[in-house]
Amino acid sequence: MKKLESGDLPLEESIRLFERGVALSDSCRGKLDAVETRVEMLVKRGRGVVAQPFDPEK
């Protein structure tokens, strides 16, 4: 991030770092969405909270 903000990188390097940042952001968003879904599944079970593996296909 600091490298991009400095403005001293060649355009191609800046684009490469930006693309990497977008890919990491997408990956983190996917993991966060999966965790949020799992938490919702646990909360919906009420008093009898039982953890179950998250299945993104369901």
PDB file of N, CA and C in Angstrom:
ATOM      1  N   MET A   1       0.818  -1.182   0.000  1.00  0.00           N
ATOM      2  CA  MET A   1       0.000   0.000   0.000  1.00  0.00           C
ATOM      3  C   MET A   1       0.861   1.245   0.000  1.00  0.00           C
ATOM      4  N   LYS A   2       1.862   1.264   0.842  1.00  0.00           N
ATOM      5  CA  LYS A   2       2.736   2.430   0.896  1.00  0.00           C
ATOM      6  C   LYS A   2       3.464   2.631  -0.423  1.00  0.00           C
ATOM      7  N   LYS A   3       3.819   1.513  -1.068  1.00  0.00           N
ATOM      8  CA  LYS A   3       4.498   1.622  -2.361  1.00  0.00           C
ATOM      9  C   LYS A   3       3.594   2.309  -3.376  1.00  0.00           C
ATOM     10  N   LEU A   4       2.327   1.932  -3.386  1.00  0.00           N
ATOM     11  CA  LEU A   4       1.397   2.545  -4.329  1.00  0.00           C
ATOM     12  C   LEU A   4       1.185   4.018  -4.009  1.00  0.00           C
ATOM     13  N   GLU A   5       1.066   4.324  -2.736  1.00  0.00           N
ATOM     14  CA  GLU A   5       0.817   5.704  -2.327  1.00  0.00           C
ATOM     15  C   GLU A   5       2.005   6.618  -2.602  1.00  0.00           C
ATOM     16  N   SER A   6       3.202   6.059  -2.648  1.00  0.00           N
ATOM     17  CA  SER A   6       4.382   6.900  -2.856  1.00  0.00           C
ATOM     18  C   SER A   6       4.398   7.514  -4.251  1.00  0.00           C
ATOM     19  N   GLY A   7       3.797   6.823  -5.209  1.00  0.00           N
ATOM     20  CA  GLY A   7       3.762   7.339  -6.573  1.00  0.00           C
ATOM     21  C   GLY A   7       5.078   7.172  -7.307  1.00  0.00           C
ATOM     22  N   ASP A   8       6.026   6.439  -6.740  1.00  0.00           N
ATOM     23  CA  ASP A   8       7.346   6.281  -7.349  1.00  0.00           C
ATOM     24  C   ASP A   8       7.488   5.014  -8.188  1.00  0.00           C
ATOM     25  N   LEU A   9       6.447   4.214  -8.271  1.00  0.00           N
ATOM     26  CA  LEU A   9       6.532   2.954  -9.011  1.00  0.00           C
ATOM     27  C   LEU A   9       6.189   3.167 -10.483  1.00  0.00           C
ATOM     28  N   PRO A  10       6.773   2.342 -11.327  1.00  0.00           N
ATOM     29  CA  PRO A  10       6.361   2.364 -12.736  1.00  0.00           C
ATOM     30  C   PRO A  10       4.895   1.922 -12.842  1.00  0.00           C
ATOM     31  N   LEU A  11       4.239   2.342 -13.887  1.00  0.00           N
ATOM     32  CA  LEU A  11       2.817   2.052 -14.084  1.00  0.00           C
ATOM     33  C   LEU A  11       2.521   0.556 -14.014  1.00  0.00           C
ATOM     34  N   GLU A  12       3.311  -0.255 -14.689  1.00  0.00           N
ATOM     35  CA  GLU A  12       3.063  -1.704 -14.708  1.00  0.00           C
ATOM     36  C   GLU A  12       3.149  -2.307 -13.308  1.00  0.00           C
ATOM     37  N   GLU A  13       4.111  -1.867 -12.519  1.00  0.00           N
ATOM     38  CA  GLU A  13       4.249  -2.363 -11.145  1.00  0.00           C
ATOM     39  C   GLU A  13       3.063  -1.918 -10.300  1.00  0.00           C
ATOM     40  N   SER A  14       2.627  -0.693 -10.490  1.00  0.00           N
ATOM     41  CA  SER A  14       1.465  -0.183  -9.760  1.00  0.00           C
ATOM     42  C   SER A  14       0.222  -0.997 -10.088  1.00  0.00           C
ATOM     43  N   ILE A  15       0.036  -1.300 -11.345  1.00  0.00           N
ATOM     44  CA  ILE A  15      -1.120  -2.097 -11.770  1.00  0.00           C
ATOM     45  C   ILE A  15      -1.043  -3.503 -11.179  1.00  0.00           C
ATOM     46  N   ARG A  16       0.157  -4.097 -11.203  1.00  0.00           N
ATOM     47  CA  ARG A  16       0.326  -5.440 -10.652  1.00  0.00           C
ATOM     48  C   ARG A  16      -0.007  -5.458  -9.159  1.00  0.00           C
ATOM     49  N   LEU A  17       0.486  -4.482  -8.415  1.00  0.00           N
ATOM     50  CA  LEU A  17       0.204  -4.416  -6.981  1.00  0.00           C
ATOM     51  C   LEU A  17      -1.276  -4.157  -6.718  1.00  0.00           C
ATOM     52  N   PHE A  18      -1.892  -3.318  -7.530  1.00  0.00           N
ATOM     53  CA  PHE A  18      -3.314  -3.049  -7.370  1.00  0.00           C
ATOM     54  C   PHE A  18      -4.139  -4.312  -7.622  1.00  0.00           C
ATOM     55  N   GLU A  19      -3.798  -5.042  -8.686  1.00  0.00           N
ATOM     56  CA  GLU A  19      -4.506  -6.290  -8.984  1.00  0.00           C
ATOM     57  C   GLU A  19      -4.357  -7.290  -7.844  1.00  0.00           C
ATOM     58  N   ARG A  20      -3.166  -7.358  -7.273  1.00  0.00           N
ATOM     59  CA  ARG A  20      -2.924  -8.266  -6.134  1.00  0.00           C
ATOM     60  C   ARG A  20      -3.792  -7.850  -4.953  1.00  0.00           C
ATOM     61  N   GLY A  21      -3.889  -6.567  -4.715  1.00  0.00           N
ATOM     62  CA  GLY A  21      -4.725  -6.063  -3.628  1.00  0.00           C
ATOM     63  C   GLY A  21      -6.195  -6.400  -3.823  1.00  0.00           C
ATOM     64  N   VAL A  22      -6.665  -6.269  -5.053  1.00  0.00           N
ATOM     65  CA  VAL A  22      -8.056  -6.604  -5.353  1.00  0.00           C
ATOM     66  C   VAL A  22      -8.301  -8.097  -5.137  1.00  0.00           C
ATOM     67  N   ALA A  23      -7.361  -8.924  -5.571  1.00  0.00           N
ATOM     68  CA  ALA A  23      -7.503 -10.376  -5.388  1.00  0.00           C
ATOM     69  C   ALA A  23      -7.527 -10.734  -3.903  1.00  0.00           C
ATOM     70  N   LEU A  24      -6.649 -10.115  -3.111  1.00  0.00           N
ATOM     71  CA  LEU A  24      -6.644 -10.384  -1.674  1.00  0.00           C
ATOM     72  C   LEU A  24      -7.938  -9.914  -1.021  1.00  0.00           C
ATOM     73  N   SER A  25      -8.419  -8.773  -1.445  1.00  0.00           N
ATOM     74  CA  SER A  25      -9.676  -8.254  -0.912  1.00  0.00           C
ATOM     75  C   SER A  25     -10.836  -9.199  -1.223  1.00  0.00           C
ATOM     76  N   ASP A  26     -10.886  -9.703  -2.453  1.00  0.00           N
ATOM     77  CA  ASP A  26     -11.934 -10.653  -2.841  1.00  0.00           C
ATOM     78  C   ASP A  26     -11.853 -11.928  -2.013  1.00  0.00           C
ATOM     79  N   SER A  27     -10.644 -12.413  -1.795  1.00  0.00           N
ATOM     80  CA  SER A  27     -10.453 -13.623  -0.998  1.00  0.00           C
ATOM     81  C   SER A  27     -10.934 -13.412   0.436  1.00  0.00           C
ATOM     82  N   CYS A  28     -10.554 -12.290   1.009  1.00  0.00           N
ATOM     83  CA  CYS A  28     -10.985 -11.981   2.385  1.00  0.00           C
ATOM     84  C   CYS A  28     -12.494 -11.833   2.465  1.00  0.00           C
ATOM     85  N   ARG A  29     -13.100 -11.194   1.482  1.00  0.00           N
ATOM     86  CA  ARG A  29     -14.551 -11.015   1.459  1.00  0.00           C
ATOM     87  C   ARG A  29     -15.237 -12.371   1.401  1.00  0.00           C
ATOM     88  N   GLY A  30     -14.720 -13.287   0.594  1.00  0.00           N
ATOM     89  CA  GLY A  30     -15.304 -14.625   0.497  1.00  0.00           C
ATOM     90  C   GLY A  30     -15.236 -15.363   1.818  1.00  0.00           C
ATOM     91  N   LYS A  31     -14.099 -15.278   2.491  1.00  0.00           N
ATOM     92  CA  LYS A  31     -13.950 -15.940   3.789  1.00  0.00           C
ATOM     93  C   LYS A  31     -14.867 -15.318   4.825  1.00  0.00           C
ATOM     94  N   LEU A  32     -14.979 -13.998   4.817  1.00  0.00           N
ATOM     95  CA  LEU A  32     -15.854 -13.317   5.757  1.00  0.00           C
ATOM     96  C   LEU A  32     -17.309 -13.690   5.510  1.00  0.00           C
ATOM     97  N   ASP A  33     -17.722 -13.743   4.258  1.00  0.00           N
ATOM     98  CA  ASP A  33     -19.096 -14.145   3.932  1.00  0.00           C
ATOM     99  C   ASP A  33     -19.390 -15.553   4.439  1.00  0.00           C
ATOM    100  N   ALA A  34     -18.431 -16.465   4.289  1.00  0.00           N
ATOM    101  CA  ALA A  34     -18.627 -17.840   4.748  1.00  0.00           C
ATOM    102  C   ALA A  34     -18.778 -17.882   6.262  1.00  0.00           C
ATOM    103  N   VAL A  35     -17.966 -17.110   6.972  1.00  0.00           N
ATOM    104  CA  VAL A  35     -18.052 -17.085   8.433  1.00  0.00           C
ATOM    105  C   VAL A  35     -19.376 -16.468   8.876  1.00  0.00           C
ATOM    106  N   GLU A  36     -19.787 -15.392   8.218  1.00  0.00           N
ATOM    107  CA  GLU A  36     -21.060 -14.764   8.573  1.00  0.00           C
ATOM    108  C   GLU A  36     -22.220 -15.729   8.374  1.00  0.00           C
ATOM    109  N   THR A  37     -22.183 -16.488   7.300  1.00  0.00           N
ATOM    110  CA  THR A  37     -23.239 -17.472   7.042  1.00  0.00           C
ATOM    111  C   THR A  37     -23.244 -18.538   8.126  1.00  0.00           C
ATOM    112  N   ARG A  38     -22.077 -18.987   8.526  1.00  0.00           N
ATOM    113  CA  ARG A  38     -21.990 -20.012   9.581  1.00  0.00           C
ATOM    114  C   ARG A  38     -22.546 -19.477  10.892  1.00  0.00           C
ATOM    115  N   VAL A  39     -22.214 -18.234  11.227  1.00  0.00           N
ATOM    116  CA  VAL A  39     -22.726 -17.632  12.457  1.00  0.00           C
ATOM    117  C   VAL A  39     -24.251 -17.545  12.392  1.00  0.00           C
ATOM    118  N   GLU A  40     -24.789 -17.142  11.254  1.00  0.00           N
ATOM    119  CA  GLU A  40     -26.247 -17.082  11.099  1.00  0.00           C
ATOM    120  C   GLU A  40     -26.868 -18.456  11.316  1.00  0.00           C
ATOM    121  N   MET A  41     -26.229 -19.496  10.800  1.00  0.00           N
ATOM    122  CA  MET A  41     -26.760 -20.845  10.963  1.00  0.00           C
ATOM    123  C   MET A  41     -26.780 -21.227  12.439  1.00  0.00           C
ATOM    124  N   LEU A  42     -25.747 -20.848  13.171  1.00  0.00           N
ATOM    125  CA  LEU A  42     -25.688 -21.161  14.599  1.00  0.00           C
ATOM    126  C   LEU A  42     -26.743 -20.389  15.377  1.00  0.00           C
ATOM    127  N   VAL A  43     -26.906 -19.136  15.074  1.00  0.00           N
ATOM    128  CA  VAL A  43     -27.863 -18.294  15.790  1.00  0.00           C
ATOM    129  C   VAL A  43     -29.292 -18.790  15.557  1.00  0.00           C
ATOM    130  N   LYS A  44     -29.591 -19.219  14.351  1.00  0.00           N
ATOM    131  CA  LYS A  44     -30.940 -19.671  14.028  1.00  0.00           C
ATOM    132  C   LYS A  44     -31.339 -20.923  14.793  1.00  0.00           C
ATOM    133  N   ARG A  45     -30.373 -21.652  15.301  1.00  0.00           N
ATOM    134  CA  ARG A  45     -30.677 -22.876  16.046  1.00  0.00           C
ATOM    135  C   ARG A  45     -31.148 -22.566  17.464  1.00  0.00           C
ATOM    136  N   GLY A  46     -31.070 -21.303  17.873  1.00  0.00           N
ATOM    137  CA  GLY A  46     -31.570 -20.900  19.186  1.00  0.00           C
ATOM    138  C   GLY A  46     -30.804 -21.507  20.330  1.00  0.00           C
ATOM    139  N   ARG A  47     -31.539 -21.990  21.321  1.00  0.00           N
ATOM    140  CA  ARG A  47     -30.917 -22.520  22.546  1.00  0.00           C
ATOM    141  C   ARG A  47     -30.075 -23.746  22.287  1.00  0.00           C
ATOM    142  N   GLY A  48     -30.471 -24.543  21.344  1.00  0.00           N
ATOM    143  CA  GLY A  48     -29.730 -25.761  21.034  1.00  0.00           C
ATOM    144  C   GLY A  48     -28.659 -25.515  19.982  1.00  0.00           C
ATOM    145  N   VAL A  49     -27.821 -24.554  20.205  1.00  0.00           N
ATOM    146  CA  VAL A  49     -26.795 -24.198  19.231  1.00  0.00           C
ATOM    147  C   VAL A  49     -25.841 -25.364  19.016  1.00  0.00           C
ATOM    148  N   VAL A  50     -25.752 -25.768  17.761  1.00  0.00           N
ATOM    149  CA  VAL A  50     -24.874 -26.863  17.392  1.00  0.00           C
ATOM    150  C   VAL A  50     -24.068 -26.416  16.175  1.00  0.00           C
ATOM    151  N   ALA A  51     -22.771 -26.479  16.289  1.00  0.00           N
ATOM    152  CA  ALA A  51     -21.923 -26.100  15.166  1.00  0.00           C
ATOM    153  C   ALA A  51     -22.020 -27.166  14.083  1.00  0.00           C
ATOM    154  N   GLN A  52     -22.060 -26.722  12.850  1.00  0.00           N
ATOM    155  CA  GLN A  52     -22.022 -27.651  11.744  1.00  0.00           C
ATOM    156  C   GLN A  52     -21.134 -27.063  10.672  1.00  0.00           C
ATOM    157  N   PRO A  53     -20.459 -27.888   9.920  1.00  0.00           N
ATOM    158  CA  PRO A  53     -19.577 -27.385   8.872  1.00  0.00           C
ATOM    159  C   PRO A  53     -20.343 -26.557   7.864  1.00  0.00           C
ATOM    160  N   PHE A  54     -19.726 -25.502   7.408  1.00  0.00           N
ATOM    161  CA  PHE A  54     -20.343 -24.651   6.393  1.00  0.00           C
ATOM    162  C   PHE A  54     -20.219 -25.310   5.045  1.00  0.00           C
ATOM    163  N   ASP A  55     -21.320 -25.387   4.322  1.00  0.00           N
ATOM    164  CA  ASP A  55     -21.335 -25.952   2.976  1.00  0.00           C
ATOM    165  C   ASP A  55     -21.787 -24.852   2.028  1.00  0.00           C
ATOM    166  N   PRO A  56     -20.885 -24.247   1.267  1.00  0.00           N
ATOM    167  CA  PRO A  56     -21.253 -23.130   0.402  1.00  0.00           C
ATOM    168  C   PRO A  56     -22.210 -23.535  -0.722  1.00  0.00           C
ATOM    169  N   GLU A  57     -22.401 -24.809  -0.948  1.00  0.00           N
ATOM    170  CA  GLU A  57     -23.297 -25.276  -1.994  1.00  0.00           C
ATOM    171  C   GLU A  57     -24.765 -25.265  -1.564  1.00  0.00           C
ATOM    172  N   LYS A  58     -25.012 -25.131  -0.261  1.00  0.00           N
ATOM    173  CA  LYS A  58     -26.404 -25.166   0.225  1.00  0.00           C
ATOM    174  C   LYS A  58     -27.032 -23.804   0.181  1.00  0.00           C
TER     175      LYS A  58
END
